């Protein structure tokens, strides 16, 4: 009788171990799927951030163009403004390249 109880306990333990192994495999698969989803979401977020940066640069350039006043004919002032704007654009490009 003691041996039957031992065999029953052993069979129960084996069944539980097999259940745990199956659960572990399932969880590992789920973790892998979630890692892939996370990587995809990060890539998407980076792409959106880049698009936002590009739109912000377009807005800045539009503001710059609207601020340039060429009616007074002051070429040196216009040249200085353009140089300043180019420097600002270079900063933006350097920031986006990071």
PDB file of N, CA and C in Angstrom:
ATOM      1  N   UNK A   1       0.821  -1.188   0.000  1.00  0.00           N
ATOM      2  CA  UNK A   1       0.000   0.000   0.000  1.00  0.00           C
ATOM      3  C   UNK A   1       0.865   1.252   0.000  1.00  0.00           C
ATOM      4  N   UNK A   2       1.930   1.203   0.752  1.00  0.00           N
ATOM      5  CA  UNK A   2       2.835   2.328   0.822  1.00  0.00           C
ATOM      6  C   UNK A   2       3.461   2.595  -0.542  1.00  0.00           C
ATOM      7  N   UNK A   3       3.738   1.531  -1.277  1.00  0.00           N
ATOM      8  CA  UNK A   3       4.328   1.673  -2.596  1.00  0.00           C
ATOM      9  C   UNK A   3       3.310   2.256  -3.581  1.00  0.00           C
ATOM     10  N   UNK A   4       2.063   1.890  -3.460  1.00  0.00           N
ATOM     11  CA  UNK A   4       1.019   2.464  -4.313  1.00  0.00           C
ATOM     12  C   UNK A   4       0.871   3.958  -4.057  1.00  0.00           C
ATOM     13  N   UNK A   5       0.942   4.342  -2.812  1.00  0.00           N
ATOM     14  CA  UNK A   5       0.851   5.757  -2.450  1.00  0.00           C
ATOM     15  C   UNK A   5       2.041   6.525  -3.014  1.00  0.00           C
ATOM     16  N   UNK A   6       3.217   5.898  -2.954  1.00  0.00           N
ATOM     17  CA  UNK A   6       4.434   6.517  -3.476  1.00  0.00           C
ATOM     18  C   UNK A   6       4.337   6.683  -4.998  1.00  0.00           C
ATOM     19  N   UNK A   7       3.836   5.645  -5.684  1.00  0.00           N
ATOM     20  CA  UNK A   7       3.672   5.708  -7.137  1.00  0.00           C
ATOM     21  C   UNK A   7       2.645   6.776  -7.516  1.00  0.00           C
ATOM     22  N   UNK A   8       1.596   6.866  -6.772  1.00  0.00           N
ATOM     23  CA  UNK A   8       0.569   7.869  -7.028  1.00  0.00           C
ATOM     24  C   UNK A   8       1.125   9.273  -6.826  1.00  0.00           C
ATOM     25  N   UNK A   9       1.890   9.458  -5.767  1.00  0.00           N
ATOM     26  CA  UNK A   9       2.504  10.760  -5.491  1.00  0.00           C
ATOM     27  C   UNK A   9       3.501  11.125  -6.590  1.00  0.00           C
ATOM     28  N   UNK A  10       4.261  10.128  -7.030  1.00  0.00           N
ATOM     29  CA  UNK A  10       5.239  10.354  -8.081  1.00  0.00           C
ATOM     30  C   UNK A  10       4.541  10.722  -9.398  1.00  0.00           C
ATOM     31  N   UNK A  11       3.479  10.048  -9.725  1.00  0.00           N
ATOM     32  CA  UNK A  11       2.716  10.341 -10.942  1.00  0.00           C
ATOM     33  C   UNK A  11       2.120  11.739 -10.860  1.00  0.00           C
ATOM     34  N   UNK A  12       1.620  12.103  -9.705  1.00  0.00           N
ATOM     35  CA  UNK A  12       1.060  13.439  -9.518  1.00  0.00           C
ATOM     36  C   UNK A  12       2.143  14.502  -9.670  1.00  0.00           C
ATOM     37  N   UNK A  13       3.311  14.218  -9.113  1.00  0.00           N
ATOM     38  CA  UNK A  13       4.440  15.152  -9.213  1.00  0.00           C
ATOM     39  C   UNK A  13       4.883  15.302 -10.670  1.00  0.00           C
ATOM     40  N   UNK A  14       4.948  14.196 -11.405  1.00  0.00           N
ATOM     41  CA  UNK A  14       5.326  14.254 -12.819  1.00  0.00           C
ATOM     42  C   UNK A  14       4.320  15.081 -13.618  1.00  0.00           C
ATOM     43  N   UNK A  15       3.045  14.878 -13.328  1.00  0.00           N
ATOM     44  CA  UNK A  15       2.001  15.630 -14.018  1.00  0.00           C
ATOM     45  C   UNK A  15       2.152  17.119 -13.728  1.00  0.00           C
ATOM     46  N   UNK A  16       2.397  17.471 -12.500  1.00  0.00           N
ATOM     47  CA  UNK A  16       2.565  18.882 -12.132  1.00  0.00           C
ATOM     48  C   UNK A  16       3.808  19.479 -12.796  1.00  0.00           C
ATOM     49  N   UNK A  17       4.876  18.683 -12.855  1.00  0.00           N
ATOM     50  CA  UNK A  17       6.105  19.159 -13.505  1.00  0.00           C
ATOM     51  C   UNK A  17       5.849  19.403 -14.984  1.00  0.00           C
ATOM     52  N   UNK A  18       5.128  18.483 -15.626  1.00  0.00           N
ATOM     53  CA  UNK A  18       4.809  18.654 -17.045  1.00  0.00           C
ATOM     54  C   UNK A  18       3.932  19.883 -17.267  1.00  0.00           C
ATOM     55  N   UNK A  19       3.000  20.130 -16.352  1.00  0.00           N
ATOM     56  CA  UNK A  19       2.173  21.334 -16.444  1.00  0.00           C
ATOM     57  C   UNK A  19       3.022  22.599 -16.312  1.00  0.00           C
ATOM     58  N   UNK A  20       3.969  22.568 -15.379  1.00  0.00           N
ATOM     59  CA  UNK A  20       4.856  23.718 -15.179  1.00  0.00           C
ATOM     60  C   UNK A  20       5.749  23.952 -16.398  1.00  0.00           C
ATOM     61  N   UNK A  21       6.226  22.884 -16.997  1.00  0.00           N
ATOM     62  CA  UNK A  21       7.065  22.999 -18.188  1.00  0.00           C
ATOM     63  C   UNK A  21       6.250  23.618 -19.326  1.00  0.00           C
ATOM     64  N   UNK A  22       5.023  23.158 -19.486  1.00  0.00           N
ATOM     65  CA  UNK A  22       4.150  23.730 -20.516  1.00  0.00           C
ATOM     66  C   UNK A  22       3.856  25.197 -20.257  1.00  0.00           C
ATOM     67  N   UNK A  23       3.597  25.529 -19.021  1.00  0.00           N
ATOM     68  CA  UNK A  23       3.333  26.922 -18.635  1.00  0.00           C
ATOM     69  C   UNK A  23       4.556  27.792 -18.912  1.00  0.00           C
ATOM     70  N   UNK A  24       5.734  27.269 -18.597  1.00  0.00           N
ATOM     71  CA  UNK A  24       6.989  28.004 -18.834  1.00  0.00           C
ATOM     72  C   UNK A  24       7.169  28.268 -20.329  1.00  0.00           C
ATOM     73  N   UNK A  25       6.948  27.267 -21.156  1.00  0.00           N
ATOM     74  CA  UNK A  25       7.089  27.439 -22.604  1.00  0.00           C
ATOM     75  C   UNK A  25       6.106  28.493 -23.113  1.00  0.00           C
ATOM     76  N   UNK A  26       4.900  28.438 -22.603  1.00  0.00           N
ATOM     77  CA  UNK A  26       3.890  29.407 -22.998  1.00  0.00           C
ATOM     78  C   UNK A  26       4.306  30.824 -22.609  1.00  0.00           C
ATOM     79  N   UNK A  27       4.827  30.972 -21.404  1.00  0.00           N
ATOM     80  CA  UNK A  27       5.252  32.293 -20.937  1.00  0.00           C
ATOM     81  C   UNK A  27       6.456  32.801 -21.714  1.00  0.00           C
ATOM     82  N   UNK A  28       7.381  31.903 -22.060  1.00  0.00           N
ATOM     83  CA  UNK A  28       8.539  32.315 -22.849  1.00  0.00           C
ATOM     84  C   UNK A  28       8.107  32.796 -24.232  1.00  0.00           C
ATOM     85  N   UNK A  29       7.139  32.122 -24.811  1.00  0.00           N
ATOM     86  CA  UNK A  29       6.610  32.540 -26.105  1.00  0.00           C
ATOM     87  C   UNK A  29       5.947  33.904 -25.987  1.00  0.00           C
ATOM     88  N   UNK A  30       5.181  34.095 -24.940  1.00  0.00           N
ATOM     89  CA  UNK A  30       4.501  35.373 -24.728  1.00  0.00           C
ATOM     90  C   UNK A  30       5.514  36.496 -24.528  1.00  0.00           C
ATOM     91  N   UNK A  31       6.577  36.224 -23.781  1.00  0.00           N
ATOM     92  CA  UNK A  31       7.622  37.224 -23.553  1.00  0.00           C
ATOM     93  C   UNK A  31       8.262  37.618 -24.885  1.00  0.00           C
ATOM     94  N   UNK A  32       8.534  36.635 -25.728  1.00  0.00           N
ATOM     95  CA  UNK A  32       9.143  36.915 -27.029  1.00  0.00           C
ATOM     96  C   UNK A  32       8.223  37.777 -27.888  1.00  0.00           C
ATOM     97  N   UNK A  33       6.941  37.456 -27.889  1.00  0.00           N
ATOM     98  CA  UNK A  33       5.969  38.246 -28.648  1.00  0.00           C
ATOM     99  C   UNK A  33       5.931  39.675 -28.118  1.00  0.00           C
ATOM    100  N   UNK A  34       5.925  39.825 -26.816  1.00  0.00           N
ATOM    101  CA  UNK A  34       5.880  41.165 -26.217  1.00  0.00           C
ATOM    102  C   UNK A  34       7.161  41.947 -26.495  1.00  0.00           C
ATOM    103  N   UNK A  35       8.303  41.269 -26.507  1.00  0.00           N
ATOM    104  CA  UNK A  35       9.556  41.951 -26.844  1.00  0.00           C
ATOM    105  C   UNK A  35       9.515  42.466 -28.276  1.00  0.00           C
ATOM    106  N   UNK A  36       9.011  41.639 -29.180  1.00  0.00           N
ATOM    107  CA  UNK A  36       8.909  42.066 -30.579  1.00  0.00           C
ATOM    108  C   UNK A  36       7.949  43.248 -30.721  1.00  0.00           C
ATOM    109  N   UNK A  37       6.832  43.173 -30.025  1.00  0.00           N
ATOM    110  CA  UNK A  37       5.858  44.269 -30.068  1.00  0.00           C
ATOM    111  C   UNK A  37       6.468  45.543 -29.504  1.00  0.00           C
ATOM    112  N   UNK A  38       7.219  45.406 -28.424  1.00  0.00           N
ATOM    113  CA  UNK A  38       7.873  46.558 -27.800  1.00  0.00           C
ATOM    114  C   UNK A  38       8.879  47.187 -28.764  1.00  0.00           C
ATOM    115  N   UNK A  39       9.655  46.358 -29.455  1.00  0.00           N
ATOM    116  CA  UNK A  39      10.632  46.872 -30.414  1.00  0.00           C
ATOM    117  C   UNK A  39       9.924  47.601 -31.553  1.00  0.00           C
ATOM    118  N   UNK A  40       8.817  47.031 -32.030  1.00  0.00           N
ATOM    119  CA  UNK A  40       8.049  47.680 -33.096  1.00  0.00           C
ATOM    120  C   UNK A  40       7.497  49.025 -32.637  1.00  0.00           C
ATOM    121  N   UNK A  41       6.988  49.068 -31.416  1.00  0.00           N
ATOM    122  CA  UNK A  41       6.435  50.316 -30.890  1.00  0.00           C
ATOM    123  C   UNK A  41       7.521  51.371 -30.704  1.00  0.00           C
ATOM    124  N   UNK A  42       8.702  50.946 -30.263  1.00  0.00           N
ATOM    125  CA  UNK A  42       9.811  51.889 -30.111  1.00  0.00           C
ATOM    126  C   UNK A  42      10.220  52.455 -31.462  1.00  0.00           C
ATOM    127  N   UNK A  43      10.282  51.602 -32.473  1.00  0.00           N
ATOM    128  CA  UNK A  43      10.643  52.061 -33.815  1.00  0.00           C
ATOM    129  C   UNK A  43       9.592  53.046 -34.330  1.00  0.00           C
ATOM    130  N   UNK A  44       8.335  52.733 -34.092  1.00  0.00           N
ATOM    131  CA  UNK A  44       7.251  53.614 -34.516  1.00  0.00           C
ATOM    132  C   UNK A  44       7.337  54.955 -33.794  1.00  0.00           C
ATOM    133  N   UNK A  45       7.619  54.915 -32.512  1.00  0.00           N
ATOM    134  CA  UNK A  45       7.746  56.138 -31.728  1.00  0.00           C
ATOM    135  C   UNK A  45       8.905  56.992 -32.239  1.00  0.00           C
ATOM    136  N   UNK A  46      10.033  56.353 -32.539  1.00  0.00           N
ATOM    137  CA  UNK A  46      11.175  57.098 -33.076  1.00  0.00           C
ATOM    138  C   UNK A  46      10.827  57.744 -34.416  1.00  0.00           C
ATOM    139  N   UNK A  47      10.095  57.019 -35.245  1.00  0.00           N
ATOM    140  CA  UNK A  47       9.684  57.564 -36.543  1.00  0.00           C
ATOM    141  C   UNK A  47       8.770  58.767 -36.345  1.00  0.00           C
ATOM    142  N   UNK A  48       7.831  58.652 -35.403  1.00  0.00           N
ATOM    143  CA  UNK A  48       6.916  59.770 -35.119  1.00  0.00           C
ATOM    144  C   UNK A  48       7.677  60.971 -34.572  1.00  0.00           C
ATOM    145  N   UNK A  49       8.654  60.713 -33.689  1.00  0.00           N
ATOM    146  CA  UNK A  49       9.463  61.809 -33.156  1.00  0.00           C
ATOM    147  C   UNK A  49      10.229  62.519 -34.269  1.00  0.00           C
ATOM    148  N   UNK A  50      10.744  61.733 -35.213  1.00  0.00           N
ATOM    149  CA  UNK A  50      11.460  62.322 -36.339  1.00  0.00           C
ATOM    150  C   UNK A  50      10.520  63.160 -37.192  1.00  0.00           C
ATOM    151  N   UNK A  51       9.308  62.657 -37.423  1.00  0.00           N
ATOM    152  CA  UNK A  51       8.335  63.425 -38.201  1.00  0.00           C
ATOM    153  C   UNK A  51       7.972  64.717 -37.495  1.00  0.00           C
ATOM    154  N   UNK A  52       7.797  64.660 -36.189  1.00  0.00           N
ATOM    155  CA  UNK A  52       7.487  65.870 -35.419  1.00  0.00           C
ATOM    156  C   UNK A  52       8.630  66.873 -35.547  1.00  0.00           C
ATOM    157  N   UNK A  53       9.852  66.383 -35.450  1.00  0.00           N
ATOM    158  CA  UNK A  53      11.014  67.257 -35.611  1.00  0.00           C
ATOM    159  C   UNK A  53      11.042  67.913 -36.976  1.00  0.00           C
ATOM    160  N   UNK A  54      10.725  67.122 -37.995  1.00  0.00           N
ATOM    161  CA  UNK A  54      10.697  67.682 -39.346  1.00  0.00           C
ATOM    162  C   UNK A  54       9.615  68.752 -39.482  1.00  0.00           C
ATOM    163  N   UNK A  55       8.444  68.485 -38.908  1.00  0.00           N
ATOM    164  CA  UNK A  55       7.371  69.477 -38.963  1.00  0.00           C
ATOM    165  C   UNK A  55       7.754  70.746 -38.202  1.00  0.00           C
ATOM    166  N   UNK A  56       8.397  70.564 -37.065  1.00  0.00           N
ATOM    167  CA  UNK A  56       8.823  71.739 -36.295  1.00  0.00           C
ATOM    168  C   UNK A  56       9.835  72.552 -37.091  1.00  0.00           C
ATOM    169  N   UNK A  57      10.729  71.862 -37.811  1.00  0.00           N
ATOM    170  CA  UNK A  57      11.701  72.586 -38.644  1.00  0.00           C
ATOM    171  C   UNK A  57      11.002  73.332 -39.774  1.00  0.00           C
ATOM    172  N   UNK A  58       9.996  72.700 -40.364  1.00  0.00           N
ATOM    173  CA  UNK A  58       9.253  73.371 -41.427  1.00  0.00           C
ATOM    174  C   UNK A  58       8.554  74.619 -40.895  1.00  0.00           C
ATOM    175  N   UNK A  59       8.014  74.504 -39.690  1.00  0.00           N
ATOM    176  CA  UNK A  59       7.350  75.657 -39.082  1.00  0.00           C
ATOM    177  C   UNK A  59       8.366  76.767 -38.824  1.00  0.00           C
ATOM    178  N   UNK A  60       9.545  76.401 -38.310  1.00  0.00           N
ATOM    179  CA  UNK A  60      10.578  77.402 -38.056  1.00  0.00           C
ATOM    180  C   UNK A  60      11.004  78.093 -39.346  1.00  0.00           C
ATOM    181  N   UNK A  61      11.180  77.287 -40.393  1.00  0.00           N
ATOM    182  CA  UNK A  61      11.588  77.864 -41.672  1.00  0.00           C
ATOM    183  C   UNK A  61      10.503  78.795 -42.204  1.00  0.00           C
ATOM    184  N   UNK A  62       9.242  78.387 -42.048  1.00  0.00           N
ATOM    185  CA  UNK A  62       8.140  79.258 -42.492  1.00  0.00           C
ATOM    186  C   UNK A  62       8.139  80.571 -41.729  1.00  0.00           C
ATOM    187  N   UNK A  63       8.385  80.495 -40.434  1.00  0.00           N
ATOM    188  CA  UNK A  63       8.442  81.720 -39.634  1.00  0.00           C
ATOM    189  C   UNK A  63       9.605  82.590 -40.071  1.00  0.00           C
ATOM    190  N   UNK A  64      10.734  81.948 -40.364  1.00  0.00           N
ATOM    191  CA  UNK A  64      11.919  82.693 -40.797  1.00  0.00           C
ATOM    192  C   UNK A  64      11.623  83.427 -42.102  1.00  0.00           C
ATOM    193  N   UNK A  65      11.025  82.706 -43.040  1.00  0.00           N
ATOM    194  CA  UNK A  65      10.704  83.308 -44.335  1.00  0.00           C
ATOM    195  C   UNK A  65       9.748  84.480 -44.147  1.00  0.00           C
ATOM    196  N   UNK A  66       8.775  84.334 -43.270  1.00  0.00           N
ATOM    197  CA  UNK A  66       7.804  85.406 -43.038  1.00  0.00           C
ATOM    198  C   UNK A  66       8.425  86.602 -42.338  1.00  0.00           C
ATOM    199  N   UNK A  67       9.482  86.365 -41.555  1.00  0.00           N
ATOM    200  CA  UNK A  67      10.122  87.461 -40.818  1.00  0.00           C
ATOM    201  C   UNK A  67      11.058  88.286 -41.696  1.00  0.00           C
ATOM    202  N   UNK A  68      11.519  87.711 -42.789  1.00  0.00           N
ATOM    203  CA  UNK A  68      12.464  88.438 -43.642  1.00  0.00           C
ATOM    204  C   UNK A  68      11.736  89.586 -44.333  1.00  0.00           C
ATOM    205  N   UNK A  69      12.245  90.761 -44.101  1.00  0.00           N
ATOM    206  CA  UNK A  69      11.658  91.961 -44.700  1.00  0.00           C
ATOM    207  C   UNK A  69      12.624  92.484 -45.761  1.00  0.00           C
ATOM    208  N   UNK A  70      12.279  92.296 -47.011  1.00  0.00           N
ATOM    209  CA  UNK A  70      13.172  92.710 -48.097  1.00  0.00           C
ATOM    210  C   UNK A  70      12.788  94.063 -48.677  1.00  0.00           C
ATOM    211  N   UNK A  71      11.762  94.683 -48.167  1.00  0.00           N
ATOM    212  CA  UNK A  71      11.305  95.945 -48.738  1.00  0.00           C
ATOM    213  C   UNK A  71      12.271  97.088 -48.475  1.00  0.00           C
ATOM    214  N   UNK A  72      13.009  97.044 -47.376  1.00  0.00           N
ATOM    215  CA  UNK A  72      13.890  98.167 -47.073  1.00  0.00           C
ATOM    216  C   UNK A  72      15.176  98.140 -47.895  1.00  0.00           C
ATOM    217  N   UNK A  73      15.461  97.057 -48.580  1.00  0.00           N
ATOM    218  CA  UNK A  73      16.611  96.990 -49.474  1.00  0.00           C
ATOM    219  C   UNK A  73      17.943  96.878 -48.770  1.00  0.00           C
ATOM    220  N   UNK A  74      17.941  96.605 -47.502  1.00  0.00           N
ATOM    221  CA  UNK A  74      19.182  96.499 -46.749  1.00  0.00           C
ATOM    222  C   UNK A  74      19.762  95.099 -46.942  1.00  0.00           C
ATOM    223  N   UNK A  75      20.655  94.964 -47.910  1.00  0.00           N
ATOM    224  CA  UNK A  75      21.208  93.654 -48.286  1.00  0.00           C
ATOM    225  C   UNK A  75      22.091  93.075 -47.186  1.00  0.00           C
ATOM    226  N   UNK A  76      22.850  93.902 -46.502  1.00  0.00           N
ATOM    227  CA  UNK A  76      23.748  93.372 -45.471  1.00  0.00           C
ATOM    228  C   UNK A  76      22.959  92.815 -44.280  1.00  0.00           C
ATOM    229  N   UNK A  77      21.872  93.485 -43.925  1.00  0.00           N
ATOM    230  CA  UNK A  77      21.018  92.997 -42.842  1.00  0.00           C
ATOM    231  C   UNK A  77      20.363  91.681 -43.249  1.00  0.00           C
ATOM    232  N   UNK A  78      19.914  91.605 -44.481  1.00  0.00           N
ATOM    233  CA  UNK A  78      19.311  90.384 -44.998  1.00  0.00           C
ATOM    234  C   UNK A  78      20.325  89.244 -44.994  1.00  0.00           C
ATOM    235  N   UNK A  79      21.565  89.545 -45.401  1.00  0.00           N
ATOM    236  CA  UNK A  79      22.622  88.528 -45.404  1.00  0.00           C
ATOM    237  C   UNK A  79      22.891  88.033 -43.992  1.00  0.00           C
ATOM    238  N   UNK A  80      22.925  88.939 -43.024  1.00  0.00           N
ATOM    239  CA  UNK A  80      23.168  88.555 -41.632  1.00  0.00           C
ATOM    240  C   UNK A  80      22.046  87.656 -41.122  1.00  0.00           C
ATOM    241  N   UNK A  81      20.805  88.030 -41.434  1.00  0.00           N
ATOM    242  CA  UNK A  81      19.665  87.217 -41.006  1.00  0.00           C
ATOM    243  C   UNK A  81      19.727  85.825 -41.616  1.00  0.00           C
ATOM    244  N   UNK A  82      20.045  85.770 -42.892  1.00  0.00           N
ATOM    245  CA  UNK A  82      20.138  84.468 -43.559  1.00  0.00           C
ATOM    246  C   UNK A  82      21.238  83.629 -42.925  1.00  0.00           C
ATOM    247  N   UNK A  83      22.382  84.250 -42.627  1.00  0.00           N
ATOM    248  CA  UNK A  83      23.464  83.516 -41.963  1.00  0.00           C
ATOM    249  C   UNK A  83      23.023  82.987 -40.598  1.00  0.00           C
ATOM    250  N   UNK A  84      22.297  83.815 -39.860  1.00  0.00           N
ATOM    251  CA  UNK A  84      21.783  83.375 -38.559  1.00  0.00           C
ATOM    252  C   UNK A  84      20.820  82.200 -38.716  1.00  0.00           C
ATOM    253  N   UNK A  85      19.977  82.292 -39.720  1.00  0.00           N
ATOM    254  CA  UNK A  85      19.012  81.219 -39.957  1.00  0.00           C
ATOM    255  C   UNK A  85      19.709  79.928 -40.366  1.00  0.00           C
ATOM    256  N   UNK A  86      20.738  80.061 -41.178  1.00  0.00           N
ATOM    257  CA  UNK A  86      21.491  78.870 -41.586  1.00  0.00           C
ATOM    258  C   UNK A  86      22.143  78.216 -40.375  1.00  0.00           C
ATOM    259  N   UNK A  87      22.678  79.012 -39.476  1.00  0.00           N
ATOM    260  CA  UNK A  87      23.275  78.474 -38.256  1.00  0.00           C
ATOM    261  C   UNK A  87      22.218  77.740 -37.425  1.00  0.00           C
ATOM    262  N   UNK A  88      21.039  78.326 -37.328  1.00  0.00           N
ATOM    263  CA  UNK A  88      19.937  77.696 -36.576  1.00  0.00           C
ATOM    264  C   UNK A  88      19.538  76.374 -37.234  1.00  0.00           C
ATOM    265  N   UNK A  89      19.467  76.366 -38.549  1.00  0.00           N
ATOM    266  CA  UNK A  89      19.116  75.137 -39.269  1.00  0.00           C
ATOM    267  C   UNK A  89      20.195  74.071 -39.044  1.00  0.00           C
ATOM    268  N   UNK A  90      21.465  74.481 -39.055  1.00  0.00           N
ATOM    269  CA  UNK A  90      22.551  73.532 -38.800  1.00  0.00           C
ATOM    270  C   UNK A  90      22.428  72.928 -37.402  1.00  0.00           C
ATOM    271  N   UNK A  91      22.051  73.741 -36.429  1.00  0.00           N
ATOM    272  CA  UNK A  91      21.837  73.234 -35.066  1.00  0.00           C
ATOM    273  C   UNK A  91      20.721  72.216 -35.038  1.00  0.00           C
ATOM    274  N   UNK A  92      19.637  72.508 -35.757  1.00  0.00           N
ATOM    275  CA  UNK A  92      18.499  71.589 -35.809  1.00  0.00           C
ATOM    276  C   UNK A  92      18.902  70.261 -36.458  1.00  0.00           C
ATOM    277  N   UNK A  93      19.649  70.352 -37.534  1.00  0.00           N
ATOM    278  CA  UNK A  93      20.107  69.128 -38.210  1.00  0.00           C
ATOM    279  C   UNK A  93      21.019  68.330 -37.290  1.00  0.00           C
ATOM    280  N   UNK A  94      21.891  69.000 -36.592  1.00  0.00           N
ATOM    281  CA  UNK A  94      22.783  68.296 -35.657  1.00  0.00           C
ATOM    282  C   UNK A  94      21.989  67.641 -34.543  1.00  0.00           C
ATOM    283  N   UNK A  95      20.967  68.326 -34.076  1.00  0.00           N
ATOM    284  CA  UNK A  95      20.112  67.767 -33.014  1.00  0.00           C
ATOM    285  C   UNK A  95      19.358  66.540 -33.519  1.00  0.00           C
ATOM    286  N   UNK A  96      18.862  66.591 -34.743  1.00  0.00           N
ATOM    287  CA  UNK A  96      18.133  65.464 -35.318  1.00  0.00           C
ATOM    288  C   UNK A  96      19.059  64.285 -35.603  1.00  0.00           C
ATOM    289  N   UNK A  97      20.316  64.543 -35.840  1.00  0.00           N
ATOM    290  CA  UNK A  97      21.269  63.477 -36.158  1.00  0.00           C
ATOM    291  C   UNK A  97      21.667  62.666 -34.935  1.00  0.00           C
ATOM    292  N   UNK A  98      21.382  63.167 -33.759  1.00  0.00           N
ATOM    293  CA  UNK A  98      21.770  62.464 -32.528  1.00  0.00           C
ATOM    294  C   UNK A  98      20.968  61.216 -32.339  1.00  0.00           C
TER     295      UNK A  98
END
